[in-house]
Amino acid sequence: MNKEQLIAEQQMETREIVQALLDDGSDPQATYNIEHHFACADFDALEKVAVDAFKAGFAVDDAEELELDDGSTAYCFSAMAEHGLEIERLDKDCATLIELASKHHVLYDGWGTHFVEPTKQ
């Protein structure tokens, strides 16, 4: 799949995630900690994406080493931003991060966040 297809697929997934959160009653006005996930067998490539994501304004956590079922090793990290569930912002951030992942041959594995209980008025 080329990066334009990945971006289009991610845009559809973003809409599904946001709608599912709102349908479940998550606070539409809240600020969310959005975590974008990356994985790669090549630590150096993953590190380059982390540096580029940081330069693009994202907070970056430390890479983790995982042993896969087949015994091989993979590395992963998350790039984080705090903002509302604004589709345009999420689309822009995802496109930026997919471009970075593609540039360094790293898997962009989507984004996630947590349910936020609405505040009582």
PDB file of N, CA and C in Angstrom:
ATOM      1  N   MET A   1       0.848  -1.171   0.000  1.00  0.00           N
ATOM      2  CA  MET A   1       0.000   0.000   0.000  1.00  0.00           C
ATOM      3  C   MET A   1       0.898   1.240   0.000  1.00  0.00           C
ATOM      4  N   ASN A   2       0.601   2.208  -0.869  1.00  0.00           N
ATOM      5  CA  ASN A   2       1.412   3.432  -0.881  1.00  0.00           C
ATOM      6  C   ASN A   2       0.933   4.391   0.209  1.00  0.00           C
ATOM      7  N   LYS A   3       1.716   5.447   0.444  1.00  0.00           N
ATOM      8  CA  LYS A   3       1.391   6.321   1.581  1.00  0.00           C
ATOM      9  C   LYS A   3       0.082   7.079   1.397  1.00  0.00           C
ATOM     10  N   GLU A   4      -0.317   7.386   0.150  1.00  0.00           N
ATOM     11  CA  GLU A   4      -1.607   8.043  -0.070  1.00  0.00           C
ATOM     12  C   GLU A   4      -2.753   7.119   0.349  1.00  0.00           C
ATOM     13  N   GLN A   5      -2.608   5.835   0.048  1.00  0.00           N
ATOM     14  CA  GLN A   5      -3.620   4.858   0.464  1.00  0.00           C
ATOM     15  C   GLN A   5      -3.628   4.702   1.977  1.00  0.00           C
ATOM     16  N   LEU A   6      -2.441   4.690   2.579  1.00  0.00           N
ATOM     17  CA  LEU A   6      -2.354   4.601   4.040  1.00  0.00           C
ATOM     18  C   LEU A   6      -3.025   5.799   4.702  1.00  0.00           C
ATOM     19  N   ILE A   7      -2.794   6.978   4.142  1.00  0.00           N
ATOM     20  CA  ILE A   7      -3.408   8.191   4.703  1.00  0.00           C
ATOM     21  C   ILE A   7      -4.923   8.124   4.569  1.00  0.00           C
ATOM     22  N   ALA A   8      -5.420   7.721   3.407  1.00  0.00           N
ATOM     23  CA  ALA A   8      -6.872   7.616   3.194  1.00  0.00           C
ATOM     24  C   ALA A   8      -7.484   6.580   4.144  1.00  0.00           C
ATOM     25  N   GLU A   9      -6.821   5.453   4.308  1.00  0.00           N
ATOM     26  CA  GLU A   9      -7.310   4.420   5.221  1.00  0.00           C
ATOM     27  C   GLU A   9      -7.325   4.928   6.658  1.00  0.00           C
ATOM     28  N   GLN A  10      -6.268   5.665   7.037  1.00  0.00           N
ATOM     29  CA  GLN A  10      -6.195   6.206   8.393  1.00  0.00           C
ATOM     30  C   GLN A  10      -7.283   7.244   8.621  1.00  0.00           C
ATOM     31  N   GLN A  11      -7.593   8.047   7.611  1.00  0.00           N
ATOM     32  CA  GLN A  11      -8.664   9.032   7.752  1.00  0.00           C
ATOM     33  C   GLN A  11      -9.997   8.349   8.049  1.00  0.00           C
ATOM     34  N   MET A  12     -10.275   7.244   7.364  1.00  0.00           N
ATOM     35  CA  MET A  12     -11.516   6.498   7.631  1.00  0.00           C
ATOM     36  C   MET A  12     -11.504   5.939   9.049  1.00  0.00           C
ATOM     37  N   GLU A  13     -10.361   5.394   9.457  1.00  0.00           N
ATOM     38  CA  GLU A  13     -10.248   4.840  10.804  1.00  0.00           C
ATOM     39  C   GLU A  13     -10.388   5.932  11.863  1.00  0.00           C
ATOM     40  N   THR A  14      -9.839   7.102  11.599  1.00  0.00           N
ATOM     41  CA  THR A  14      -9.951   8.228  12.535  1.00  0.00           C
ATOM     42  C   THR A  14     -11.413   8.570  12.779  1.00  0.00           C
ATOM     43  N   ARG A  15     -12.195   8.634  11.720  1.00  0.00           N
ATOM     44  CA  ARG A  15     -13.616   8.947  11.862  1.00  0.00           C
ATOM     45  C   ARG A  15     -14.333   7.876  12.677  1.00  0.00           C
ATOM     46  N   GLU A  16     -13.971   6.618  12.469  1.00  0.00           N
ATOM     47  CA  GLU A  16     -14.584   5.526  13.230  1.00  0.00           C
ATOM     48  C   GLU A  16     -14.224   5.608  14.706  1.00  0.00           C
ATOM     49  N   ILE A  17     -12.964   5.906  14.995  1.00  0.00           N
ATOM     50  CA  ILE A  17     -12.518   6.006  16.394  1.00  0.00           C
ATOM     51  C   ILE A  17     -13.225   7.155  17.098  1.00  0.00           C
ATOM     52  N   VAL A  18     -13.241   8.320  16.462  1.00  0.00           N
ATOM     53  CA  VAL A  18     -13.882   9.487  17.078  1.00  0.00           C
ATOM     54  C   VAL A  18     -15.369   9.211  17.293  1.00  0.00           C
ATOM     55  N   GLN A  19     -16.035   8.655  16.297  1.00  0.00           N
ATOM     56  CA  GLN A  19     -17.467   8.377  16.425  1.00  0.00           C
ATOM     57  C   GLN A  19     -17.726   7.358  17.533  1.00  0.00           C
ATOM     58  N   ALA A  20     -16.897   6.326  17.631  1.00  0.00           N
ATOM     59  CA  ALA A  20     -17.065   5.324  18.688  1.00  0.00           C
ATOM     60  C   ALA A  20     -16.900   5.954  20.073  1.00  0.00           C
ATOM     61  N   LEU A  21     -15.911   6.824  20.232  1.00  0.00           N
ATOM     62  CA  LEU A  21     -15.727   7.504  21.517  1.00  0.00           C
ATOM     63  C   LEU A  21     -16.946   8.346  21.868  1.00  0.00           C
ATOM     64  N   LEU A  22     -17.422   9.114  20.907  1.00  0.00           N
ATOM     65  CA  LEU A  22     -18.579   9.977  21.162  1.00  0.00           C
ATOM     66  C   LEU A  22     -19.844   9.150  21.405  1.00  0.00           C
ATOM     67  N   ASP A  23     -20.022   8.071  20.642  1.00  0.00           N
ATOM     68  CA  ASP A  23     -21.184   7.194  20.836  1.00  0.00           C
ATOM     69  C   ASP A  23     -21.178   6.559  22.218  1.00  0.00           C
ATOM     70  N   ASP A  24     -19.984   6.297  22.751  1.00  0.00           N
ATOM     71  CA  ASP A  24     -19.858   5.706  24.089  1.00  0.00           C
ATOM     72  C   ASP A  24     -20.043   6.738  25.197  1.00  0.00           C
ATOM     73  N   GLY A  25     -20.144   8.033  24.831  1.00  0.00           N
ATOM     74  CA  GLY A  25     -20.371   9.069  25.825  1.00  0.00           C
ATOM     75  C   GLY A  25     -19.136   9.809  26.269  1.00  0.00           C
ATOM     76  N   SER A  26     -18.024   9.646  25.583  1.00  0.00           N
ATOM     77  CA  SER A  26     -16.815  10.381  25.934  1.00  0.00           C
ATOM     78  C   SER A  26     -17.056  11.881  25.716  1.00  0.00           C
ATOM     79  N   ASP A  27     -16.454  12.698  26.552  1.00  0.00           N
ATOM     80  CA  ASP A  27     -16.673  14.142  26.543  1.00  0.00           C
ATOM     81  C   ASP A  27     -16.183  14.779  25.229  1.00  0.00           C
ATOM     82  N   PRO A  28     -17.083  15.332  24.420  1.00  0.00           N
ATOM     83  CA  PRO A  28     -16.677  15.925  23.143  1.00  0.00           C
ATOM     84  C   PRO A  28     -15.861  17.205  23.296  1.00  0.00           C
ATOM     85  N   GLN A  29     -15.888  17.825  24.469  1.00  0.00           N
ATOM     86  CA  GLN A  29     -15.166  19.073  24.699  1.00  0.00           C
ATOM     87  C   GLN A  29     -13.829  18.873  25.401  1.00  0.00           C
ATOM     88  N   ALA A  30     -13.503  17.651  25.737  1.00  0.00           N
ATOM     89  CA  ALA A  30     -12.296  17.364  26.523  1.00  0.00           C
ATOM     90  C   ALA A  30     -11.024  17.495  25.687  1.00  0.00           C
ATOM     91  N   THR A  31      -9.926  17.648  26.398  1.00  0.00           N
ATOM     92  CA  THR A  31      -8.604  17.556  25.793  1.00  0.00           C
ATOM     93  C   THR A  31      -8.157  16.110  25.972  1.00  0.00           C
ATOM     94  N   TYR A  32      -7.723  15.501  24.891  1.00  0.00           N
ATOM     95  CA  TYR A  32      -7.333  14.090  24.875  1.00  0.00           C
ATOM     96  C   TYR A  32      -5.827  13.959  24.682  1.00  0.00           C
ATOM     97  N   ASN A  33      -5.256  12.930  25.305  1.00  0.00           N
ATOM     98  CA  ASN A  33      -3.867  12.575  25.053  1.00  0.00           C
ATOM     99  C   ASN A  33      -3.893  11.587  23.890  1.00  0.00           C
ATOM    100  N   ILE A  34      -3.514  12.046  22.704  1.00  0.00           N
ATOM    101  CA  ILE A  34      -3.525  11.236  21.492  1.00  0.00           C
ATOM    102  C   ILE A  34      -2.153  10.578  21.350  1.00  0.00           C
ATOM    103  N   GLU A  35      -2.129   9.254  21.241  1.00  0.00           N
ATOM    104  CA  GLU A  35      -0.885   8.507  21.108  1.00  0.00           C
ATOM    105  C   GLU A  35      -0.825   7.867  19.722  1.00  0.00           C
ATOM    106  N   HIS A  36       0.158   8.271  18.929  1.00  0.00           N
ATOM    107  CA  HIS A  36       0.397   7.709  17.598  1.00  0.00           C
ATOM    108  C   HIS A  36       1.471   6.643  17.740  1.00  0.00           C
ATOM    109  N   HIS A  37       1.230   5.445  17.199  1.00  0.00           N
ATOM    110  CA  HIS A  37       2.089   4.290  17.430  1.00  0.00           C
ATOM    111  C   HIS A  37       2.953   3.953  16.213  1.00  0.00           C
ATOM    112  N   PHE A  38       4.199   3.583  16.490  1.00  0.00           N
ATOM    113  CA  PHE A  38       5.170   3.204  15.461  1.00  0.00           C
ATOM    114  C   PHE A  38       5.857   1.911  15.870  1.00  0.00           C
ATOM    115  N   ALA A  39       6.248   1.112  14.871  1.00  0.00           N
ATOM    116  CA  ALA A  39       6.984  -0.121  15.141  1.00  0.00           C
ATOM    117  C   ALA A  39       7.922  -0.424  13.980  1.00  0.00           C
ATOM    118  N   CYS A  40       9.035  -1.106  14.323  1.00  0.00           N
ATOM    119  CA  CYS A  40      10.023  -1.451  13.303  1.00  0.00           C
ATOM    120  C   CYS A  40      11.028  -2.446  13.897  1.00  0.00           C
ATOM    121  N   ALA A  41      11.571  -3.288  13.049  1.00  0.00           N
ATOM    122  CA  ALA A  41      12.616  -4.204  13.494  1.00  0.00           C
ATOM    123  C   ALA A  41      13.980  -3.511  13.559  1.00  0.00           C
ATOM    124  N   ASP A  42      14.097  -2.364  12.895  1.00  0.00           N
ATOM    125  CA  ASP A  42      15.358  -1.611  12.817  1.00  0.00           C
ATOM    126  C   ASP A  42      15.312  -0.452  13.808  1.00  0.00           C
ATOM    127  N   PHE A  43      16.026  -0.593  14.915  1.00  0.00           N
ATOM    128  CA  PHE A  43      16.003   0.437  15.959  1.00  0.00           C
ATOM    129  C   PHE A  43      16.470   1.789  15.431  1.00  0.00           C
ATOM    130  N   ASP A  44      17.510   1.804  14.607  1.00  0.00           N
ATOM    131  CA  ASP A  44      18.036   3.074  14.090  1.00  0.00           C
ATOM    132  C   ASP A  44      16.988   3.815  13.262  1.00  0.00           C
ATOM    133  N   ALA A  45      16.227   3.094  12.430  1.00  0.00           N
ATOM    134  CA  ALA A  45      15.175   3.719  11.634  1.00  0.00           C
ATOM    135  C   ALA A  45      14.084   4.276  12.547  1.00  0.00           C
ATOM    136  N   LEU A  46      13.734   3.507  13.577  1.00  0.00           N
ATOM    137  CA  LEU A  46      12.713   3.950  14.522  1.00  0.00           C
ATOM    138  C   LEU A  46      13.160   5.217  15.242  1.00  0.00           C
ATOM    139  N   GLU A  47      14.432   5.258  15.612  1.00  0.00           N
ATOM    140  CA  GLU A  47      14.982   6.424  16.300  1.00  0.00           C
ATOM    141  C   GLU A  47      14.908   7.674  15.413  1.00  0.00           C
ATOM    142  N   LYS A  48      15.143   7.511  14.112  1.00  0.00           N
ATOM    143  CA  LYS A  48      15.061   8.645  13.181  1.00  0.00           C
ATOM    144  C   LYS A  48      13.643   9.191  13.105  1.00  0.00           C
ATOM    145  N   VAL A  49      12.656   8.307  13.115  1.00  0.00           N
ATOM    146  CA  VAL A  49      11.264   8.759  13.122  1.00  0.00           C
ATOM    147  C   VAL A  49      10.962   9.503  14.418  1.00  0.00           C
ATOM    148  N   ALA A  50      11.460   8.989  15.529  1.00  0.00           N
ATOM    149  CA  ALA A  50      11.226   9.638  16.820  1.00  0.00           C
ATOM    150  C   ALA A  50      11.801  11.054  16.823  1.00  0.00           C
ATOM    151  N   VAL A  51      12.998  11.221  16.294  1.00  0.00           N
ATOM    152  CA  VAL A  51      13.617  12.547  16.228  1.00  0.00           C
ATOM    153  C   VAL A  51      12.787  13.469  15.338  1.00  0.00           C
ATOM    154  N   ASP A  52      12.367  12.975  14.178  1.00  0.00           N
ATOM    155  CA  ASP A  52      11.561  13.794  13.267  1.00  0.00           C
ATOM    156  C   ASP A  52      10.204  14.150  13.870  1.00  0.00           C
ATOM    157  N   ALA A  53       9.598  13.203  14.587  1.00  0.00           N
ATOM    158  CA  ALA A  53       8.311  13.478  15.236  1.00  0.00           C
ATOM    159  C   ALA A  53       8.477  14.544  16.317  1.00  0.00           C
ATOM    160  N   PHE A  54       9.560  14.460  17.077  1.00  0.00           N
ATOM    161  CA  PHE A  54       9.843  15.466  18.096  1.00  0.00           C
ATOM    162  C   PHE A  54      10.022  16.841  17.450  1.00  0.00           C
ATOM    163  N   LYS A  55      10.772  16.893  16.360  1.00  0.00           N
ATOM    164  CA  LYS A  55      10.970  18.161  15.646  1.00  0.00           C
ATOM    165  C   LYS A  55       9.665  18.713  15.097  1.00  0.00           C
ATOM    166  N   ALA A  56       8.699  17.824  14.814  1.00  0.00           N
ATOM    167  CA  ALA A  56       7.396  18.238  14.303  1.00  0.00           C
ATOM    168  C   ALA A  56       6.445  18.668  15.425  1.00  0.00           C
ATOM    169  N   GLY A  57       6.920  18.626  16.677  1.00  0.00           N
ATOM    170  CA  GLY A  57       6.120  19.141  17.786  1.00  0.00           C
ATOM    171  C   GLY A  57       5.439  18.102  18.657  1.00  0.00           C
ATOM    172  N   PHE A  58       5.739  16.838  18.450  1.00  0.00           N
ATOM    173  CA  PHE A  58       5.131  15.781  19.247  1.00  0.00           C
ATOM    174  C   PHE A  58       6.037  15.426  20.419  1.00  0.00           C
ATOM    175  N   ALA A  59       5.422  15.045  21.528  1.00  0.00           N
ATOM    176  CA  ALA A  59       6.181  14.454  22.630  1.00  0.00           C
ATOM    177  C   ALA A  59       6.440  13.005  22.231  1.00  0.00           C
ATOM    178  N   VAL A  60       7.605  12.489  22.580  1.00  0.00           N
ATOM    179  CA  VAL A  60       7.987  11.144  22.166  1.00  0.00           C
ATOM    180  C   VAL A  60       8.398  10.354  23.396  1.00  0.00           C
ATOM    181  N   ASP A  61       7.858   9.133  23.528  1.00  0.00           N
ATOM    182  CA  ASP A  61       8.282   8.310  24.665  1.00  0.00           C
ATOM    183  C   ASP A  61       9.461   7.429  24.266  1.00  0.00           C
ATOM    184  N   ASP A  62      10.048   6.777  25.241  1.00  0.00           N
ATOM    185  CA  ASP A  62      11.188   5.907  24.993  1.00  0.00           C
ATOM    186  C   ASP A  62      10.746   4.677  24.205  1.00  0.00           C
ATOM    187  N   ALA A  63      11.620   4.210  23.340  1.00  0.00           N
ATOM    188  CA  ALA A  63      11.331   3.005  22.566  1.00  0.00           C
ATOM    189  C   ALA A  63      11.327   1.785  23.493  1.00  0.00           C
ATOM    190  N   GLU A  64      10.467   0.840  23.161  1.00  0.00           N
ATOM    191  CA  GLU A  64      10.409  -0.422  23.883  1.00  0.00           C
ATOM    192  C   GLU A  64      10.826  -1.541  22.945  1.00  0.00           C
ATOM    193  N   GLU A  65      11.486  -2.530  23.497  1.00  0.00           N
ATOM    194  CA  GLU A  65      11.883  -3.705  22.729  1.00  0.00           C
ATOM    195  C   GLU A  65      10.883  -4.817  23.018  1.00  0.00           C
ATOM    196  N   LEU A  66      10.382  -5.439  21.962  1.00  0.00           N
ATOM    197  CA  LEU A  66       9.415  -6.519  22.109  1.00  0.00           C
ATOM    198  C   LEU A  66       9.928  -7.777  21.430  1.00  0.00           C
ATOM    199  N   GLU A  67       9.722  -8.922  22.062  1.00  0.00           N
ATOM    200  CA  GLU A  67      10.029 -10.184  21.395  1.00  0.00           C
ATOM    201  C   GLU A  67       8.730 -10.700  20.783  1.00  0.00           C
ATOM    202  N   LEU A  68       8.746 -10.938  19.487  1.00  0.00           N
ATOM    203  CA  LEU A  68       7.569 -11.406  18.768  1.00  0.00           C
ATOM    204  C   LEU A  68       7.411 -12.918  18.902  1.00  0.00           C
ATOM    205  N   ASP A  69       6.248 -13.431  18.549  1.00  0.00           N
ATOM    206  CA  ASP A  69       5.962 -14.861  18.664  1.00  0.00           C
ATOM    207  C   ASP A  69       6.971 -15.730  17.928  1.00  0.00           C
ATOM    208  N   ASP A  70       7.502 -15.214  16.821  1.00  0.00           N
ATOM    209  CA  ASP A  70       8.458 -15.999  16.037  1.00  0.00           C
ATOM    210  C   ASP A  70       9.891 -15.883  16.566  1.00  0.00           C
ATOM    211  N   GLY A  71      10.077 -15.180  17.697  1.00  0.00           N
ATOM    212  CA  GLY A  71      11.389 -15.031  18.296  1.00  0.00           C
ATOM    213  C   GLY A  71      12.159 -13.807  17.835  1.00  0.00           C
ATOM    214  N   SER A  72      11.669 -13.126  16.811  1.00  0.00           N
ATOM    215  CA  SER A  72      12.348 -11.922  16.334  1.00  0.00           C
ATOM    216  C   SER A  72      12.058 -10.747  17.271  1.00  0.00           C
ATOM    217  N   THR A  73      12.793  -9.678  17.078  1.00  0.00           N
ATOM    218  CA  THR A  73      12.670  -8.498  17.924  1.00  0.00           C
ATOM    219  C   THR A  73      12.098  -7.339  17.124  1.00  0.00           C
ATOM    220  N   ALA A  74      11.229  -6.596  17.754  1.00  0.00           N
ATOM    221  CA  ALA A  74      10.702  -5.367  17.167  1.00  0.00           C
ATOM    222  C   ALA A  74      10.809  -4.269  18.222  1.00  0.00           C
ATOM    223  N   TYR A  75      10.838  -3.047  17.749  1.00  0.00           N
ATOM    224  CA  TYR A  75      10.905  -1.887  18.626  1.00  0.00           C
ATOM    225  C   TYR A  75       9.693  -1.014  18.350  1.00  0.00           C
ATOM    226  N   CYS A  76       9.207  -0.339  19.367  1.00  0.00           N
ATOM    227  CA  CYS A  76       8.041   0.526  19.176  1.00  0.00           C
ATOM    228  C   CYS A  76       8.157   1.759  20.078  1.00  0.00           C
ATOM    229  N   PHE A  77       7.440   2.799  19.709  1.00  0.00           N
ATOM    230  CA  PHE A  77       7.332   3.997  20.541  1.00  0.00           C
ATOM    231  C   PHE A  77       6.060   4.725  20.148  1.00  0.00           C
ATOM    232  N   SER A  78       5.686   5.694  20.952  1.00  0.00           N
ATOM    233  CA  SER A  78       4.521   6.529  20.668  1.00  0.00           C
ATOM    234  C   SER A  78       4.933   7.988  20.594  1.00  0.00           C
ATOM    235  N   ALA A  79       4.296   8.700  19.663  1.00  0.00           N
ATOM    236  CA  ALA A  79       4.424  10.159  19.566  1.00  0.00           C
ATOM    237  C   ALA A  79       3.098  10.723  20.050  1.00  0.00           C
ATOM    238  N   MET A  80       3.135  11.681  20.964  1.00  0.00           N
ATOM    239  CA  MET A  80       1.918  12.128  21.621  1.00  0.00           C
ATOM    240  C   MET A  80       1.648  13.619  21.429  1.00  0.00           C
ATOM    241  N   ALA A  81       0.366  13.929  21.417  1.00  0.00           N
ATOM    242  CA  ALA A  81      -0.087  15.319  21.361  1.00  0.00           C
ATOM    243  C   ALA A  81      -1.364  15.422  22.194  1.00  0.00           C
ATOM    244  N   GLU A  82      -1.599  16.582  22.749  1.00  0.00           N
ATOM    245  CA  GLU A  82      -2.821  16.806  23.521  1.00  0.00           C
ATOM    246  C   GLU A  82      -3.691  17.815  22.803  1.00  0.00           C
ATOM    247  N   HIS A  83      -4.916  17.398  22.476  1.00  0.00           N
ATOM    248  CA  HIS A  83      -5.891  18.287  21.834  1.00  0.00           C
ATOM    249  C   HIS A  83      -7.249  17.609  21.826  1.00  0.00           C
ATOM    250  N   GLY A  84      -8.239  18.299  21.324  1.00  0.00           N
ATOM    251  CA  GLY A  84      -9.589  17.752  21.239  1.00  0.00           C
ATOM    252  C   GLY A  84      -9.698  16.732  20.116  1.00  0.00           C
ATOM    253  N   LEU A  85     -10.887  16.170  19.988  1.00  0.00           N
ATOM    254  CA  LEU A  85     -11.150  15.176  18.948  1.00  0.00           C
ATOM    255  C   LEU A  85     -11.533  15.854  17.632  1.00  0.00           C
ATOM    256  N   GLU A  86     -10.680  16.773  17.182  1.00  0.00           N
ATOM    257  CA  GLU A  86     -10.942  17.504  15.944  1.00  0.00           C
ATOM    258  C   GLU A  86     -10.428  16.689  14.763  1.00  0.00           C
ATOM    259  N   ILE A  87     -11.349  16.306  13.878  1.00  0.00           N
ATOM    260  CA  ILE A  87     -11.010  15.456  12.727  1.00  0.00           C
ATOM    261  C   ILE A  87      -9.909  16.088  11.881  1.00  0.00           C
ATOM    262  N   GLU A  88     -10.019  17.372  11.572  1.00  0.00           N
ATOM    263  CA  GLU A  88      -9.010  18.024  10.724  1.00  0.00           C
ATOM    264  C   GLU A  88      -7.623  17.952  11.348  1.00  0.00           C
ATOM    265  N   ARG A  89      -7.529  18.189  12.627  1.00  0.00           N
ATOM    266  CA  ARG A  89      -6.239  18.128  13.335  1.00  0.00           C
ATOM    267  C   ARG A  89      -5.696  16.708  13.324  1.00  0.00           C
ATOM    268  N   LEU A  90      -6.560  15.741  13.616  1.00  0.00           N
ATOM    269  CA  LEU A  90      -6.132  14.346  13.617  1.00  0.00           C
ATOM    270  C   LEU A  90      -5.674  13.916  12.225  1.00  0.00           C
ATOM    271  N   ASP A  91      -6.422  14.299  11.196  1.00  0.00           N
ATOM    272  CA  ASP A  91      -6.025  13.963   9.821  1.00  0.00           C
ATOM    273  C   ASP A  91      -4.663  14.549   9.485  1.00  0.00           C
ATOM    274  N   LYS A  92      -4.453  15.804   9.856  1.00  0.00           N
ATOM    275  CA  LYS A  92      -3.183  16.477   9.571  1.00  0.00           C
ATOM    276  C   LYS A  92      -2.030  15.787  10.296  1.00  0.00           C
ATOM    277  N   ASP A  93      -2.222  15.506  11.587  1.00  0.00           N
ATOM    278  CA  ASP A  93      -1.166  14.848  12.363  1.00  0.00           C
ATOM    279  C   ASP A  93      -0.865  13.458  11.815  1.00  0.00           C
ATOM    280  N   CYS A  94      -1.905  12.702  11.500  1.00  0.00           N
ATOM    281  CA  CYS A  94      -1.700  11.348  10.962  1.00  0.00           C
ATOM    282  C   CYS A  94      -0.944  11.406   9.634  1.00  0.00           C
ATOM    283  N   ALA A  95      -1.326  12.324   8.762  1.00  0.00           N
ATOM    284  CA  ALA A  95      -0.645  12.438   7.464  1.00  0.00           C
ATOM    285  C   ALA A  95       0.828  12.781   7.666  1.00  0.00           C
ATOM    286  N   THR A  96       1.108  13.709   8.567  1.00  0.00           N
ATOM    287  CA  THR A  96       2.493  14.087   8.854  1.00  0.00           C
ATOM    288  C   THR A  96       3.288  12.887   9.347  1.00  0.00           C
ATOM    289  N   LEU A  97       2.715  12.131  10.271  1.00  0.00           N
ATOM    290  CA  LEU A  97       3.433  11.012  10.870  1.00  0.00           C
ATOM    291  C   LEU A  97       3.543   9.818   9.914  1.00  0.00           C
ATOM    292  N   ILE A  98       2.555   9.617   9.067  1.00  0.00           N
ATOM    293  CA  ILE A  98       2.652   8.567   8.044  1.00  0.00           C
ATOM    294  C   ILE A  98       3.772   8.906   7.070  1.00  0.00           C
ATOM    295  N   GLU A  99       3.881  10.184   6.710  1.00  0.00           N
ATOM    296  CA  GLU A  99       4.975  10.624   5.821  1.00  0.00           C
ATOM    297  C   GLU A  99       6.330  10.325   6.462  1.00  0.00           C
ATOM    298  N   LEU A 100       6.480  10.641   7.748  1.00  0.00           N
ATOM    299  CA  LEU A 100       7.741  10.383   8.442  1.00  0.00           C
ATOM    300  C   LEU A 100       8.034   8.888   8.504  1.00  0.00           C
ATOM    301  N   ALA A 101       7.026   8.098   8.820  1.00  0.00           N
ATOM    302  CA  ALA A 101       7.207   6.650   8.895  1.00  0.00           C
ATOM    303  C   ALA A 101       7.608   6.088   7.534  1.00  0.00           C
ATOM    304  N   SER A 102       6.946   6.553   6.497  1.00  0.00           N
ATOM    305  CA  SER A 102       7.250   6.095   5.140  1.00  0.00           C
ATOM    306  C   SER A 102       8.680   6.455   4.746  1.00  0.00           C
ATOM    307  N   LYS A 103       9.090   7.665   5.087  1.00  0.00           N
ATOM    308  CA  LYS A 103      10.435   8.144   4.770  1.00  0.00           C
ATOM    309  C   LYS A 103      11.516   7.223   5.350  1.00  0.00           C
ATOM    310  N   HIS A 104      11.253   6.687   6.547  1.00  0.00           N
ATOM    311  CA  HIS A 104      12.254   5.871   7.242  1.00  0.00           C
ATOM    312  C   HIS A 104      11.928   4.365   7.220  1.00  0.00           C
ATOM    313  N   HIS A 105      10.907   3.983   6.462  1.00  0.00           N
ATOM    314  CA  HIS A 105      10.520   2.567   6.328  1.00  0.00           C
ATOM    315  C   HIS A 105      10.140   1.951   7.675  1.00  0.00           C
ATOM    316  N   VAL A 106       9.297   2.681   8.393  1.00  0.00           N
ATOM    317  CA  VAL A 106       8.807   2.266   9.699  1.00  0.00           C
ATOM    318  C   VAL A 106       7.290   2.148   9.607  1.00  0.00           C
ATOM    319  N   LEU A 107       6.700   1.233  10.355  1.00  0.00           N
ATOM    320  CA  LEU A 107       5.254   1.053  10.369  1.00  0.00           C
ATOM    321  C   LEU A 107       4.601   2.116  11.245  1.00  0.00           C
ATOM    322  N   TYR A 108       3.667   2.877  10.664  1.00  0.00           N
ATOM    323  CA  TYR A 108       2.782   3.734  11.463  1.00  0.00           C
ATOM    324  C   TYR A 108       1.584   2.859  11.789  1.00  0.00           C
ATOM    325  N   ASP A 109       1.315   2.649  13.069  1.00  0.00           N
ATOM    326  CA  ASP A 109       0.302   1.688  13.492  1.00  0.00           C
ATOM    327  C   ASP A 109      -0.928   2.373  14.086  1.00  0.00           C
ATOM    328  N   GLY A 110      -1.261   3.553  13.583  1.00  0.00           N
ATOM    329  CA  GLY A 110      -2.475   4.229  14.009  1.00  0.00           C
ATOM    330  C   GLY A 110      -2.329   4.999  15.309  1.00  0.00           C
ATOM    331  N   TRP A 111      -3.466   5.481  15.792  1.00  0.00           N
ATOM    332  CA  TRP A 111      -3.462   6.266  17.021  1.00  0.00           C
ATOM    333  C   TRP A 111      -4.560   5.756  17.949  1.00  0.00           C
ATOM    334  N   GLY A 112      -4.430   6.166  19.182  1.00  0.00           N
ATOM    335  CA  GLY A 112      -5.435   5.821  20.170  1.00  0.00           C
ATOM    336  C   GLY A 112      -5.482   6.868  21.265  1.00  0.00           C
ATOM    337  N   THR A 113      -6.505   6.775  22.069  1.00  0.00           N
ATOM    338  CA  THR A 113      -6.669   7.653  23.220  1.00  0.00           C
ATOM    339  C   THR A 113      -7.583   6.946  24.213  1.00  0.00           C
ATOM    340  N   HIS A 114      -7.887   7.591  25.304  1.00  0.00           N
ATOM    341  CA  HIS A 114      -8.739   7.004  26.330  1.00  0.00           C
ATOM    342  C   HIS A 114     -10.062   7.748  26.413  1.00  0.00           C
ATOM    343  N   PHE A 115     -11.081   7.042  26.847  1.00  0.00           N
ATOM    344  CA  PHE A 115     -12.392   7.610  27.129  1.00  0.00           C
ATOM    345  C   PHE A 115     -12.233   8.697  28.191  1.00  0.00           C
ATOM    346  N   VAL A 116     -12.928   9.817  28.005  1.00  0.00           N
ATOM    347  CA  VAL A 116     -12.921  10.891  29.002  1.00  0.00           C
ATOM    348  C   VAL A 116     -14.351  11.077  29.488  1.00  0.00           C
ATOM    349  N   GLU A 117     -14.528  10.858  30.771  1.00  0.00           N
ATOM    350  CA  GLU A 117     -15.844  11.008  31.398  1.00  0.00           C
ATOM    351  C   GLU A 117     -16.284  12.469  31.282  1.00  0.00           C
ATOM    352  N   PRO A 118     -17.517  12.697  30.814  1.00  0.00           N
ATOM    353  CA  PRO A 118     -18.001  14.088  30.739  1.00  0.00           C
ATOM    354  C   PRO A 118     -18.068  14.718  32.129  1.00  0.00           C
ATOM    355  N   THR A 119     -17.795  16.007  32.185  1.00  0.00           N
ATOM    356  CA  THR A 119     -17.876  16.722  33.462  1.00  0.00           C
ATOM    357  C   THR A 119     -19.331  17.012  33.779  1.00  0.00           C
ATOM    358  N   LYS A 120     -19.656  16.892  35.044  1.00  0.00           N
ATOM    359  CA  LYS A 120     -21.026  17.173  35.505  1.00  0.00           C
ATOM    360  C   LYS A 120     -21.219  18.678  35.587  1.00  0.00           C
ATOM    361  N   GLN A 121     -22.338  19.138  35.093  1.00  0.00           N
ATOM    362  CA  GLN A 121     -22.646  20.579  35.115  1.00  0.00           C
ATOM    363  C   GLN A 121     -23.365  20.949  36.375  1.00  0.00           C
TER     364      GLN A 121
END
